[in-house]
PDB file of all heavy atoms in Angstrom:
ATOM      1  N   GLU A   1      61.312 140.879 146.973  1.00  0.00           N
ATOM      2  CA  GLU A   1      59.943 141.271 146.509  1.00  0.00           C
ATOM      3  C   GLU A   1      59.597 140.669 145.233  1.00  0.00           C
ATOM      4  O   GLU A   1      58.462 140.744 144.743  1.00  0.00           O
ATOM      5  CB  GLU A   1      59.855 142.750 146.344  1.00  0.00           C
ATOM      6  CG  GLU A   1      60.143 143.592 147.654  1.00  0.00           C
ATOM      7  CD  GLU A   1      60.199 144.943 147.408  1.00  0.00           C
ATOM      8  OE1 GLU A   1      61.233 145.442 146.697  1.00  0.00           O
ATOM      9  OE2 GLU A   1      59.366 145.781 147.782  1.00  0.00           O
ATOM     10  N   LEU A   2      60.419 139.833 144.606  1.00  0.00           N
ATOM     11  CA  LEU A   2      60.240 139.249 143.256  1.00  0.00           C
ATOM     12  C   LEU A   2      59.698 137.845 143.498  1.00  0.00           C
ATOM     13  O   LEU A   2      60.360 137.011 144.113  1.00  0.00           O
ATOM     14  CB  LEU A   2      61.523 139.249 142.478  1.00  0.00           C
ATOM     15  CG  LEU A   2      62.017 140.625 142.079  1.00  0.00           C
ATOM     16  CD1 LEU A   2      63.493 140.483 141.566  1.00  0.00           C
ATOM     17  CD2 LEU A   2      61.149 141.225 140.920  1.00  0.00           C
ATOM     18  N   ALA A   3      58.534 137.610 142.927  1.00  0.00           N
ATOM     19  CA  ALA A   3      58.019 136.302 143.133  1.00  0.00           C
ATOM     20  C   ALA A   3      58.669 135.103 142.490  1.00  0.00           C
ATOM     21  O   ALA A   3      58.679 133.992 143.029  1.00  0.00           O
ATOM     22  CB  ALA A   3      56.516 136.256 142.604  1.00  0.00           C
ATOM     23  N   ASP A   4      59.443 135.415 141.341  1.00  0.00           N
ATOM     24  CA  ASP A   4      60.148 134.302 140.690  1.00  0.00           C
ATOM     25  C   ASP A   4      61.689 134.404 140.906  1.00  0.00           C
ATOM     26  O   ASP A   4      62.451 133.855 140.105  1.00  0.00           O
ATOM     27  CB  ASP A   4      59.722 134.186 139.266  1.00  0.00           C
ATOM     28  CG  ASP A   4      60.124 135.457 138.469  1.00  0.00           C
ATOM     29  OD1 ASP A   4      60.372 136.485 139.060  1.00  0.00           O
ATOM     30  OD2 ASP A   4      60.143 135.393 137.221  1.00  0.00           O
ATOM     31  N   PHE A   5      62.197 135.155 141.809  1.00  0.00           N
ATOM     32  CA  PHE A   5      63.588 135.227 142.135  1.00  0.00           C
ATOM     33  C   PHE A   5      63.992 133.861 142.704  1.00  0.00           C
ATOM     34  O   PHE A   5      63.352 133.260 143.504  1.00  0.00           O
ATOM     35  CB  PHE A   5      63.996 136.319 143.093  1.00  0.00           C
ATOM     36  CG  PHE A   5      65.485 136.204 143.543  1.00  0.00           C
ATOM     37  CD1 PHE A   5      66.496 136.648 142.724  1.00  0.00           C
ATOM     38  CD2 PHE A   5      65.773 135.556 144.756  1.00  0.00           C
ATOM     39  CE1 PHE A   5      67.733 136.518 143.106  1.00  0.00           C
ATOM     40  CE2 PHE A   5      67.107 135.518 145.163  1.00  0.00           C
ATOM     41  CZ  PHE A   5      68.098 135.983 144.321  1.00  0.00           C
ATOM     42  N   SER A   6      65.112 133.299 142.172  1.00  0.00           N
ATOM     43  CA  SER A   6      65.607 131.971 142.611  1.00  0.00           C
ATOM     44  C   SER A   6      67.001 131.813 142.271  1.00  0.00           C
ATOM     45  O   SER A   6      67.459 132.400 141.251  1.00  0.00           O
ATOM     46  CB  SER A   6      64.797 130.893 141.948  1.00  0.00           C
ATOM     47  OG  SER A   6      65.262 129.569 142.287  1.00  0.00           O
ATOM     48  N   VAL A   7      67.728 131.071 143.188  1.00  0.00           N
ATOM     49  CA  VAL A   7      69.137 130.729 142.954  1.00  0.00           C
ATOM     50  C   VAL A   7      69.216 129.239 142.581  1.00  0.00           C
ATOM     51  O   VAL A   7      70.291 128.724 142.653  1.00  0.00           O
ATOM     52  CB  VAL A   7      70.020 131.103 144.027  1.00  0.00           C
ATOM     53  CG1 VAL A   7      70.106 132.680 144.130  1.00  0.00           C
ATOM     54  CG2 VAL A   7      69.640 130.497 145.418  1.00  0.00           C
ATOM     55  N   GLU A   8      68.185 128.623 142.384  1.00  0.00           N
ATOM     56  CA  GLU A   8      68.091 127.130 142.069  1.00  0.00           C
ATOM     57  C   GLU A   8      69.056 126.840 140.916  1.00  0.00           C
ATOM     58  O   GLU A   8      69.640 125.739 140.945  1.00  0.00           O
ATOM     59  CB  GLU A   8      66.703 126.779 141.808  1.00  0.00           C
ATOM     60  CG  GLU A   8      66.391 125.215 141.782  1.00  0.00           C
ATOM     61  CD  GLU A   8      64.941 124.875 141.618  1.00  0.00           C
ATOM     62  OE1 GLU A   8      64.282 125.513 140.728  1.00  0.00           O
ATOM     63  OE2 GLU A   8      64.458 124.099 142.479  1.00  0.00           O
ATOM     64  N   GLN A   9      69.071 127.631 139.847  1.00  0.00           N
ATOM     65  CA  GLN A   9      69.927 127.290 138.773  1.00  0.00           C
ATOM     66  C   GLN A   9      71.426 127.316 139.102  1.00  0.00           C
ATOM     67  O   GLN A   9      72.222 126.714 138.362  1.00  0.00           O
ATOM     68  CB  GLN A   9      69.680 128.265 137.627  1.00  0.00           C
ATOM     69  CG  GLN A   9      70.036 129.752 137.922  1.00  0.00           C
ATOM     70  CD  GLN A   9      69.799 130.651 136.648  1.00  0.00           C
ATOM     71  OE1 GLN A   9      70.188 130.282 135.637  1.00  0.00           O
ATOM     72  NE2 GLN A   9      69.105 131.754 136.880  1.00  0.00           N
ATOM     73  N   TYR A  10      71.782 127.903 140.251  1.00  0.00           N
ATOM     74  CA  TYR A  10      73.194 127.843 140.581  1.00  0.00           C
ATOM     75  C   TYR A  10      73.479 126.699 141.531  1.00  0.00           C
ATOM     76  O   TYR A  10      74.502 126.008 141.418  1.00  0.00           O
ATOM     77  CB  TYR A  10      73.473 129.168 141.374  1.00  0.00           C
ATOM     78  CG  TYR A  10      73.407 130.325 140.443  1.00  0.00           C
ATOM     79  CD1 TYR A  10      72.233 131.183 140.430  1.00  0.00           C
ATOM     80  CD2 TYR A  10      74.426 130.650 139.559  1.00  0.00           C
ATOM     81  CE1 TYR A  10      72.084 132.280 139.629  1.00  0.00           C
ATOM     82  CE2 TYR A  10      74.180 131.835 138.655  1.00  0.00           C
ATOM     83  CZ  TYR A  10      73.105 132.526 138.758  1.00  0.00           C
ATOM     84  OH  TYR A  10      73.002 133.623 137.890  1.00  0.00           O
ATOM     85  N   PHE A  11      72.669 126.468 142.476  1.00  0.00           N
ATOM     86  CA  PHE A  11      72.931 125.494 143.548  1.00  0.00           C
ATOM     87  C   PHE A  11      72.075 124.130 143.382  1.00  0.00           C
ATOM     88  O   PHE A  11      72.371 123.154 144.161  1.00  0.00           O
ATOM     89  CB  PHE A  11      72.589 126.057 144.887  1.00  0.00           C
ATOM     90  CG  PHE A  11      73.392 127.329 145.242  1.00  0.00           C
ATOM     91  CD1 PHE A  11      72.771 128.582 145.191  1.00  0.00           C
ATOM     92  CD2 PHE A  11      74.774 127.275 145.449  1.00  0.00           C
ATOM     93  CE1 PHE A  11      73.545 129.750 145.516  1.00  0.00           C
ATOM     94  CE2 PHE A  11      75.512 128.324 145.739  1.00  0.00           C
ATOM     95  CZ  PHE A  11      74.903 129.627 145.699  1.00  0.00           C
ATOM     96  N   GLY A  12      71.244 124.048 142.414  1.00  0.00           N
ATOM     97  CA  GLY A  12      70.379 122.820 142.339  1.00  0.00           C
ATOM     98  C   GLY A  12      69.234 122.812 143.254  1.00  0.00           C
ATOM     99  O   GLY A  12      69.022 123.736 143.999  1.00  0.00           O
ATOM    100  N   ASN A  13      68.426 121.775 143.142  1.00  0.00           N
ATOM    101  CA  ASN A  13      67.191 121.745 144.033  1.00  0.00           C
ATOM    102  C   ASN A  13      67.283 120.532 144.998  1.00  0.00           C
ATOM    103  O   ASN A  13      66.367 119.980 145.372  1.00  0.00           O
ATOM    104  CB  ASN A  13      65.935 121.637 143.137  1.00  0.00           C
ATOM    105  CG  ASN A  13      66.007 120.602 142.130  1.00  0.00           C
ATOM    106  OD1 ASN A  13      66.880 119.754 142.089  1.00  0.00           O
ATOM    107  ND2 ASN A  13      65.026 120.531 141.252  1.00  0.00           N
ATOM    108  N   ASP A  14      68.537 120.173 145.256  1.00  0.00           N
ATOM    109  CA  ASP A  14      68.772 119.091 146.243  1.00  0.00           C
ATOM    110  C   ASP A  14      69.255 119.729 147.510  1.00  0.00           C
ATOM    111  O   ASP A  14      70.305 120.372 147.580  1.00  0.00           O
ATOM    112  CB  ASP A  14      69.905 118.101 145.654  1.00  0.00           C
ATOM    113  CG  ASP A  14      70.228 116.946 146.638  1.00  0.00           C
ATOM    114  OD1 ASP A  14      69.785 117.065 147.795  1.00  0.00           O
ATOM    115  OD2 ASP A  14      70.803 116.002 146.222  1.00  0.00           O
ATOM    116  N   THR A  15      68.542 119.578 148.554  1.00  0.00           N
ATOM    117  CA  THR A  15      68.785 120.338 149.755  1.00  0.00           C
ATOM    118  C   THR A  15      70.084 119.807 150.387  1.00  0.00           C
ATOM    119  O   THR A  15      70.703 120.519 151.313  1.00  0.00           O
ATOM    120  CB  THR A  15      67.695 120.099 150.803  1.00  0.00           C
ATOM    121  OG1 THR A  15      67.387 118.722 151.022  1.00  0.00           O
ATOM    122  CG2 THR A  15      66.371 120.834 150.265  1.00  0.00           C
ATOM    123  N   VAL A  16      70.671 118.676 150.011  1.00  0.00           N
ATOM    124  CA  VAL A  16      71.810 118.157 150.599  1.00  0.00           C
ATOM    125  C   VAL A  16      73.021 119.112 150.235  1.00  0.00           C
ATOM    126  O   VAL A  16      73.772 119.385 151.157  1.00  0.00           O
ATOM    127  CB  VAL A  16      72.137 116.734 150.151  1.00  0.00           C
ATOM    128  CG1 VAL A  16      73.489 116.234 150.726  1.00  0.00           C
ATOM    129  CG2 VAL A  16      71.062 115.741 150.531  1.00  0.00           C
ATOM    130  N   ASN A  17      73.086 119.500 149.041  1.00  0.00           N
ATOM    131  CA  ASN A  17      74.175 120.433 148.615  1.00  0.00           C
ATOM    132  C   ASN A  17      73.664 121.865 148.414  1.00  0.00           C
ATOM    133  O   ASN A  17      73.969 122.457 147.374  1.00  0.00           O
ATOM    134  CB  ASN A  17      74.782 119.893 147.463  1.00  0.00           C
ATOM    135  CG  ASN A  17      75.521 118.497 147.639  1.00  0.00           C
ATOM    136  OD1 ASN A  17      76.344 118.501 148.539  1.00  0.00           O
ATOM    137  ND2 ASN A  17      75.155 117.520 146.983  1.00  0.00           N
ATOM    138  N   LYS A  18      72.871 122.390 149.263  1.00  0.00           N
ATOM    139  CA  LYS A  18      72.130 123.637 149.049  1.00  0.00           C
ATOM    140  C   LYS A  18      72.946 124.740 148.572  1.00  0.00           C
ATOM    141  O   LYS A  18      72.699 125.452 147.697  1.00  0.00           O
ATOM    142  CB  LYS A  18      71.388 123.972 150.282  1.00  0.00           C
ATOM    143  CG  LYS A  18      70.505 125.205 150.131  1.00  0.00           C
ATOM    144  CD  LYS A  18      69.279 124.971 149.238  1.00  0.00           C
ATOM    145  CE  LYS A  18      68.435 126.195 149.330  1.00  0.00           C
ATOM    146  NZ  LYS A  18      67.319 125.961 148.390  1.00  0.00           N
ATOM    147  N   ARG A  19      74.154 124.939 149.165  1.00  0.00           N
ATOM    148  CA  ARG A  19      75.030 126.020 148.857  1.00  0.00           C
ATOM    149  C   ARG A  19      76.366 125.655 148.207  1.00  0.00           C
ATOM    150  O   ARG A  19      77.340 126.546 148.244  1.00  0.00           O
ATOM    151  CB  ARG A  19      75.272 126.869 150.146  1.00  0.00           C
ATOM    152  CG  ARG A  19      74.045 127.420 150.885  1.00  0.00           C
ATOM    153  CD  ARG A  19      73.045 128.121 150.014  1.00  0.00           C
ATOM    154  NE  ARG A  19      73.660 129.422 149.631  1.00  0.00           N
ATOM    155  CZ  ARG A  19      72.908 130.330 148.979  1.00  0.00           C
ATOM    156  NH1 ARG A  19      71.730 130.117 148.549  1.00  0.00           N
ATOM    157  NH2 ARG A  19      73.463 131.462 148.646  1.00  0.00           N
ATOM    158  N   GLN A  20      76.497 124.448 147.673  1.00  0.00           N
ATOM    159  CA  GLN A  20      77.705 124.057 147.082  1.00  0.00           C
ATOM    160  C   GLN A  20      77.389 123.807 145.545  1.00  0.00           C
ATOM    161  O   GLN A  20      76.823 122.900 145.140  1.00  0.00           O
ATOM    162  CB  GLN A  20      78.172 122.692 147.676  1.00  0.00           C
ATOM    163  CG  GLN A  20      78.506 122.808 149.139  1.00  0.00           C
ATOM    164  CD  GLN A  20      79.683 123.678 149.410  1.00  0.00           C
ATOM    165  OE1 GLN A  20      80.636 123.671 148.667  1.00  0.00           O
ATOM    166  NE2 GLN A  20      79.716 124.360 150.478  1.00  0.00           N
ATOM    167  N   TRP A  21      77.676 124.822 144.822  1.00  0.00           N
ATOM    168  CA  TRP A  21      77.262 124.850 143.362  1.00  0.00           C
ATOM    169  C   TRP A  21      77.902 123.762 142.643  1.00  0.00           C
ATOM    170  O   TRP A  21      77.191 123.144 141.757  1.00  0.00           O
ATOM    171  CB  TRP A  21      77.563 126.202 142.728  1.00  0.00           C
ATOM    172  CG  TRP A  21      78.995 126.399 142.327  1.00  0.00           C
ATOM    173  CD1 TRP A  21      80.058 126.904 143.041  1.00  0.00           C
ATOM    174  CD2 TRP A  21      79.585 126.133 141.045  1.00  0.00           C
ATOM    175  NE1 TRP A  21      81.201 126.914 142.345  1.00  0.00           N
ATOM    176  CE2 TRP A  21      80.981 126.404 141.049  1.00  0.00           C
ATOM    177  CE3 TRP A  21      79.063 125.523 139.816  1.00  0.00           C
ATOM    178  CZ2 TRP A  21      81.813 126.222 139.998  1.00  0.00           C
ATOM    179  CZ3 TRP A  21      79.903 125.441 138.750  1.00  0.00           C
ATOM    180  CH2 TRP A  21      81.260 125.695 138.833  1.00  0.00           C
ATOM    181  N   GLN A  22      79.194 123.413 142.902  1.00  0.00           N
ATOM    182  CA  GLN A  22      79.792 122.240 142.195  1.00  0.00           C
ATOM    183  C   GLN A  22      79.059 120.898 142.499  1.00  0.00           C
ATOM    184  O   GLN A  22      79.019 120.058 141.623  1.00  0.00           O
ATOM    185  CB  GLN A  22      81.238 122.194 142.449  1.00  0.00           C
ATOM    186  CG  GLN A  22      82.016 123.461 141.868  1.00  0.00           C
ATOM    187  CD  GLN A  22      83.529 123.378 142.069  1.00  0.00           C
ATOM    188  OE1 GLN A  22      83.889 123.312 143.256  1.00  0.00           O
ATOM    189  NE2 GLN A  22      84.348 123.389 141.069  1.00  0.00           N
ATOM    190  N   GLY A  23      78.642 120.744 143.727  1.00  0.00           N
ATOM    191  CA  GLY A  23      78.005 119.511 144.065  1.00  0.00           C
ATOM    192  C   GLY A  23      76.523 119.551 143.944  1.00  0.00           C
ATOM    193  O   GLY A  23      75.876 118.583 144.342  1.00  0.00           O
ATOM    194  N   GLY A  24      75.960 120.672 143.513  1.00  0.00           N
ATOM    195  CA  GLY A  24      74.577 120.801 143.407  1.00  0.00           C
ATOM    196  C   GLY A  24      73.972 119.800 142.406  1.00  0.00           C
ATOM    197  O   GLY A  24      74.600 119.528 141.330  1.00  0.00           O
ATOM    198  N   THR A  25      72.820 119.226 142.733  1.00  0.00           N
ATOM    199  CA  THR A  25      72.241 118.327 141.875  1.00  0.00           C
ATOM    200  C   THR A  25      70.849 118.771 141.448  1.00  0.00           C
ATOM    201  O   THR A  25      70.210 119.593 142.199  1.00  0.00           O
ATOM    202  CB  THR A  25      72.137 116.880 142.501  1.00  0.00           C
ATOM    203  OG1 THR A  25      71.418 117.017 143.743  1.00  0.00           O
ATOM    204  CG2 THR A  25      73.491 116.271 142.730  1.00  0.00           C
ATOM    205  N   PHE A  26      70.313 118.239 140.349  1.00  0.00           N
ATOM    206  CA  PHE A  26      69.064 118.739 139.817  1.00  0.00           C
ATOM    207  C   PHE A  26      68.126 117.534 139.526  1.00  0.00           C
ATOM    208  O   PHE A  26      68.638 116.439 139.087  1.00  0.00           O
ATOM    209  CB  PHE A  26      69.312 119.483 138.516  1.00  0.00           C
ATOM    210  CG  PHE A  26      70.219 120.607 138.699  1.00  0.00           C
ATOM    211  CD1 PHE A  26      71.582 120.520 138.561  1.00  0.00           C
ATOM    212  CD2 PHE A  26      69.596 121.870 138.887  1.00  0.00           C
ATOM    213  CE1 PHE A  26      72.386 121.654 138.740  1.00  0.00           C
ATOM    214  CE2 PHE A  26      70.470 123.062 139.077  1.00  0.00           C
ATOM    215  CZ  PHE A  26      71.851 122.822 138.950  1.00  0.00           C
ATOM    216  N   ALA A  27      66.847 117.709 139.937  1.00  0.00           N
ATOM    217  CA  ALA A  27      65.991 116.602 139.829  1.00  0.00           C
ATOM    218  C   ALA A  27      64.538 117.236 139.428  1.00  0.00           C
ATOM    219  O   ALA A  27      64.259 118.426 139.738  1.00  0.00           O
ATOM    220  CB  ALA A  27      65.793 115.913 141.096  1.00  0.00           C
ATOM    221  N   TYR A  28      63.843 116.439 138.635  1.00  0.00           N
ATOM    222  CA  TYR A  28      62.505 116.826 138.178  1.00  0.00           C
ATOM    223  C   TYR A  28      61.639 115.621 138.378  1.00  0.00           C
ATOM    224  O   TYR A  28      61.873 114.529 137.903  1.00  0.00           O
ATOM    225  CB  TYR A  28      62.526 117.284 136.747  1.00  0.00           C
ATOM    226  CG  TYR A  28      61.281 118.048 136.445  1.00  0.00           C
ATOM    227  CD1 TYR A  28      61.138 119.481 136.755  1.00  0.00           C
ATOM    228  CD2 TYR A  28      60.129 117.432 135.849  1.00  0.00           C
ATOM    229  CE1 TYR A  28      59.931 120.099 136.449  1.00  0.00           C
ATOM    230  CE2 TYR A  28      58.927 118.115 135.597  1.00  0.00           C
ATOM    231  CZ  TYR A  28      58.896 119.489 135.846  1.00  0.00           C
ATOM    232  OH  TYR A  28      57.749 120.180 135.645  1.00  0.00           O
ATOM    233  N   ASP A  29      60.465 115.854 139.053  1.00  0.00           N
ATOM    234  CA  ASP A  29      59.512 114.764 139.373  1.00  0.00           C
ATOM    235  C   ASP A  29      60.289 113.546 139.940  1.00  0.00           C
ATOM    236  O   ASP A  29      60.069 112.376 139.685  1.00  0.00           O
ATOM    237  CB  ASP A  29      58.834 114.256 138.094  1.00  0.00           C
ATOM    238  CG  ASP A  29      57.657 115.174 137.766  1.00  0.00           C
ATOM    239  OD1 ASP A  29      57.335 116.045 138.644  1.00  0.00           O
ATOM    240  OD2 ASP A  29      57.060 115.044 136.692  1.00  0.00           O
ATOM    241  N   GLY A  30      61.277 113.887 140.860  1.00  0.00           N
ATOM    242  CA  GLY A  30      61.927 112.875 141.605  1.00  0.00           C
ATOM    243  C   GLY A  30      63.143 112.122 140.841  1.00  0.00           C
ATOM    244  O   GLY A  30      63.675 111.310 141.345  1.00  0.00           O
ATOM    245  N   GLN A  31      63.264 112.533 139.647  1.00  0.00           N
ATOM    246  CA  GLN A  31      64.303 111.893 138.729  1.00  0.00           C
ATOM    247  C   GLN A  31      65.519 112.785 138.589  1.00  0.00           C
ATOM    248  O   GLN A  31      65.346 113.955 138.214  1.00  0.00           O
ATOM    249  CB  GLN A  31      63.763 111.587 137.346  1.00  0.00           C
ATOM    250  CG  GLN A  31      64.704 110.769 136.509  1.00  0.00           C
ATOM    251  CD  GLN A  31      64.000 110.279 135.244  1.00  0.00           C
ATOM    252  OE1 GLN A  31      63.215 110.952 134.663  1.00  0.00           O
ATOM    253  NE2 GLN A  31      64.336 109.093 134.790  1.00  0.00           N
ATOM    254  N   ARG A  32      66.639 112.339 138.938  1.00  0.00           N
ATOM    255  CA  ARG A  32      67.902 113.106 138.907  1.00  0.00           C
ATOM    256  C   ARG A  32      68.358 113.293 137.480  1.00  0.00           C
ATOM    257  O   ARG A  32      68.428 112.372 136.726  1.00  0.00           O
ATOM    258  CB  ARG A  32      69.013 112.639 139.775  1.00  0.00           C
ATOM    259  CG  ARG A  32      70.315 113.416 139.789  1.00  0.00           C
ATOM    260  CD  ARG A  32      71.187 112.974 140.905  1.00  0.00           C
ATOM    261  NE  ARG A  32      70.653 113.270 142.260  1.00  0.00           N
ATOM    262  CZ  ARG A  32      71.345 113.055 143.343  1.00  0.00           C
ATOM    263  NH1 ARG A  32      72.601 112.566 143.294  1.00  0.00           N
ATOM    264  NH2 ARG A  32      70.792 113.303 144.547  1.00  0.00           N
ATOM    265  N   LEU A  33      68.610 114.508 137.089  1.00  0.00           N
ATOM    266  CA  LEU A  33      69.012 114.848 135.710  1.00  0.00           C
ATOM    267  C   LEU A  33      70.252 115.712 135.694  1.00  0.00           C
ATOM    268  O   LEU A  33      70.633 116.288 136.688  1.00  0.00           O
ATOM    269  CB  LEU A  33      67.866 115.634 135.054  1.00  0.00           C
ATOM    270  CG  LEU A  33      66.460 115.044 135.008  1.00  0.00           C
ATOM    271  CD1 LEU A  33      65.514 116.110 134.522  1.00  0.00           C
ATOM    272  CD2 LEU A  33      66.414 113.760 134.074  1.00  0.00           C
ATOM    273  N   ASP A  34      70.912 115.779 134.557  1.00  0.00           N
ATOM    274  CA  ASP A  34      72.059 116.714 134.421  1.00  0.00           C
ATOM    275  C   ASP A  34      71.445 118.089 134.230  1.00  0.00           C
ATOM    276  O   ASP A  34      70.263 118.245 134.040  1.00  0.00           O
ATOM    277  CB  ASP A  34      73.010 116.293 133.296  1.00  0.00           C
ATOM    278  CG  ASP A  34      72.602 116.839 132.013  1.00  0.00           C
ATOM    279  OD1 ASP A  34      71.413 117.063 131.708  1.00  0.00           O
ATOM    280  OD2 ASP A  34      73.543 116.986 131.198  1.00  0.00           O
ATOM    281  N   TYR A  35      72.225 119.087 134.475  1.00  0.00           N
ATOM    282  CA  TYR A  35      71.734 120.500 134.448  1.00  0.00           C
ATOM    283  C   TYR A  35      70.892 120.873 133.221  1.00  0.00           C
ATOM    284  O   TYR A  35      69.847 121.404 133.373  1.00  0.00           O
ATOM    285  CB  TYR A  35      72.992 121.468 134.683  1.00  0.00           C
ATOM    286  CG  TYR A  35      72.515 122.906 134.513  1.00  0.00           C
ATOM    287  CD1 TYR A  35      71.825 123.459 135.506  1.00  0.00           C
ATOM    288  CD2 TYR A  35      72.791 123.625 133.376  1.00  0.00           C
ATOM    289  CE1 TYR A  35      71.339 124.896 135.472  1.00  0.00           C
ATOM    290  CE2 TYR A  35      72.449 124.990 133.287  1.00  0.00           C
ATOM    291  CZ  TYR A  35      71.656 125.547 134.378  1.00  0.00           C
ATOM    292  OH  TYR A  35      71.298 126.862 134.187  1.00  0.00           O
ATOM    293  N   TYR A  36      71.441 120.514 132.103  1.00  0.00           N
ATOM    294  CA  TYR A  36      70.804 120.992 130.876  1.00  0.00           C
ATOM    295  C   TYR A  36      69.448 120.151 130.670  1.00  0.00           C
ATOM    296  O   TYR A  36      68.492 120.786 130.093  1.00  0.00           O
ATOM    297  CB  TYR A  36      71.783 120.764 129.684  1.00  0.00           C
ATOM    298  CG  TYR A  36      72.971 121.664 129.841  1.00  0.00           C
ATOM    299  CD1 TYR A  36      74.172 121.141 130.454  1.00  0.00           C
ATOM    300  CD2 TYR A  36      72.980 123.008 129.486  1.00  0.00           C
ATOM    301  CE1 TYR A  36      75.187 121.843 130.596  1.00  0.00           C
ATOM    302  CE2 TYR A  36      74.060 123.840 129.677  1.00  0.00           C
ATOM    303  CZ  TYR A  36      75.208 123.299 130.260  1.00  0.00           C
ATOM    304  OH  TYR A  36      76.351 124.039 130.414  1.00  0.00           O
ATOM    305  N   ASP A  37      69.448 118.903 130.955  1.00  0.00           N
ATOM    306  CA  ASP A  37      68.204 118.111 130.918  1.00  0.00           C
ATOM    307  C   ASP A  37      67.177 118.743 131.905  1.00  0.00           C
ATOM    308  O   ASP A  37      65.929 118.875 131.644  1.00  0.00           O
ATOM    309  CB  ASP A  37      68.457 116.705 131.300  1.00  0.00           C
ATOM    310  CG  ASP A  37      68.580 115.792 130.050  1.00  0.00           C
ATOM    311  OD1 ASP A  37      68.354 116.334 129.003  1.00  0.00           O
ATOM    312  OD2 ASP A  37      68.914 114.672 130.174  1.00  0.00           O
ATOM    313  N   TRP A  38      67.666 119.096 133.132  1.00  0.00           N
ATOM    314  CA  TRP A  38      66.780 119.614 134.078  1.00  0.00           C
ATOM    315  C   TRP A  38      66.165 121.000 133.660  1.00  0.00           C
ATOM    316  O   TRP A  38      64.972 121.271 133.732  1.00  0.00           O
ATOM    317  CB  TRP A  38      67.522 119.921 135.412  1.00  0.00           C
ATOM    318  CG  TRP A  38      66.730 120.712 136.453  1.00  0.00           C
ATOM    319  CD1 TRP A  38      65.676 120.264 137.217  1.00  0.00           C
ATOM    320  CD2 TRP A  38      66.946 122.092 136.793  1.00  0.00           C
ATOM    321  NE1 TRP A  38      65.233 121.299 137.972  1.00  0.00           N
ATOM    322  CE2 TRP A  38      65.909 122.393 137.703  1.00  0.00           C
ATOM    323  CE3 TRP A  38      67.828 123.075 136.309  1.00  0.00           C
ATOM    324  CZ2 TRP A  38      65.826 123.721 138.275  1.00  0.00           C
ATOM    325  CZ3 TRP A  38      67.771 124.375 136.837  1.00  0.00           C
ATOM    326  CH2 TRP A  38      66.820 124.685 137.822  1.00  0.00           C
ATOM    327  N   VAL A  39      67.028 121.886 133.028  1.00  0.00           N
ATOM    328  CA  VAL A  39      66.479 123.106 132.491  1.00  0.00           C
ATOM    329  C   VAL A  39      65.332 122.792 131.483  1.00  0.00           C
ATOM    330  O   VAL A  39      64.289 123.490 131.561  1.00  0.00           O
ATOM    331  CB  VAL A  39      67.584 123.974 131.852  1.00  0.00           C
ATOM    332  CG1 VAL A  39      67.014 125.076 131.039  1.00  0.00           C
ATOM    333  CG2 VAL A  39      68.519 124.508 132.919  1.00  0.00           C
ATOM    334  N   ARG A  40      65.567 121.932 130.652  1.00  0.00           N
ATOM    335  CA  ARG A  40      64.659 121.593 129.544  1.00  0.00           C
ATOM    336  C   ARG A  40      63.330 121.079 130.117  1.00  0.00           C
ATOM    337  O   ARG A  40      62.255 121.500 129.725  1.00  0.00           O
ATOM    338  CB  ARG A  40      65.242 120.713 128.513  1.00  0.00           C
ATOM    339  CG  ARG A  40      64.268 120.618 127.272  1.00  0.00           C
ATOM    340  CD  ARG A  40      65.025 120.047 126.122  1.00  0.00           C
ATOM    341  NE  ARG A  40      64.125 119.652 125.024  1.00  0.00           N
ATOM    342  CZ  ARG A  40      64.488 118.978 123.982  1.00  0.00           C
ATOM    343  NH1 ARG A  40      65.714 118.613 123.745  1.00  0.00           N
ATOM    344  NH2 ARG A  40      63.530 118.705 123.127  1.00  0.00           N
ATOM    345  N   ASN A  41      63.415 120.136 131.013  1.00  0.00           N
ATOM    346  CA  ASN A  41      62.252 119.582 131.711  1.00  0.00           C
ATOM    347  C   ASN A  41      61.462 120.651 132.477  1.00  0.00           C
ATOM    348  O   ASN A  41      60.215 120.704 132.461  1.00  0.00           O
ATOM    349  CB  ASN A  41      62.626 118.380 132.539  1.00  0.00           C
ATOM    350  CG  ASN A  41      62.813 117.149 131.786  1.00  0.00           C
ATOM    351  OD1 ASN A  41      61.865 116.280 131.792  1.00  0.00           O
ATOM    352  ND2 ASN A  41      63.970 116.972 131.221  1.00  0.00           N
ATOM    353  N   ALA A  42      62.258 121.484 133.282  1.00  0.00           N
ATOM    354  CA  ALA A  42      61.543 122.487 134.183  1.00  0.00           C
ATOM    355  C   ALA A  42      60.897 123.556 133.230  1.00  0.00           C
ATOM    356  O   ALA A  42      59.848 124.019 133.572  1.00  0.00           O
ATOM    357  CB  ALA A  42      62.678 123.097 134.994  1.00  0.00           C
ATOM    358  N   VAL A  43      61.507 123.885 132.157  1.00  0.00           N
ATOM    359  CA  VAL A  43      60.958 124.948 131.264  1.00  0.00           C
ATOM    360  C   VAL A  43      59.641 124.419 130.497  1.00  0.00           C
ATOM    361  O   VAL A  43      58.748 125.085 130.332  1.00  0.00           O
ATOM    362  CB  VAL A  43      61.965 125.411 130.258  1.00  0.00           C
ATOM    363  CG1 VAL A  43      61.415 126.302 129.234  1.00  0.00           C
ATOM    364  CG2 VAL A  43      63.024 126.302 131.017  1.00  0.00           C
ATOM    365  N   ALA A  44      59.732 123.147 130.244  1.00  0.00           N
ATOM    366  CA  ALA A  44      58.596 122.416 129.618  1.00  0.00           C
ATOM    367  C   ALA A  44      57.469 122.239 130.562  1.00  0.00           C
ATOM    368  O   ALA A  44      56.349 122.119 130.220  1.00  0.00           O
ATOM    369  CB  ALA A  44      58.931 121.007 129.018  1.00  0.00           C
TER     370      ALA A  44
END
């Protein structure tokens, strides 16, 4: 029921490794980033 519930921070937003947290990758505007860079871009 929560509009902003998400597990993206755990598994990444790459559908290839959807449920593999260690292999999860993060991208913003099509550019792959490390987790901490992704957080900062996404929050900005």
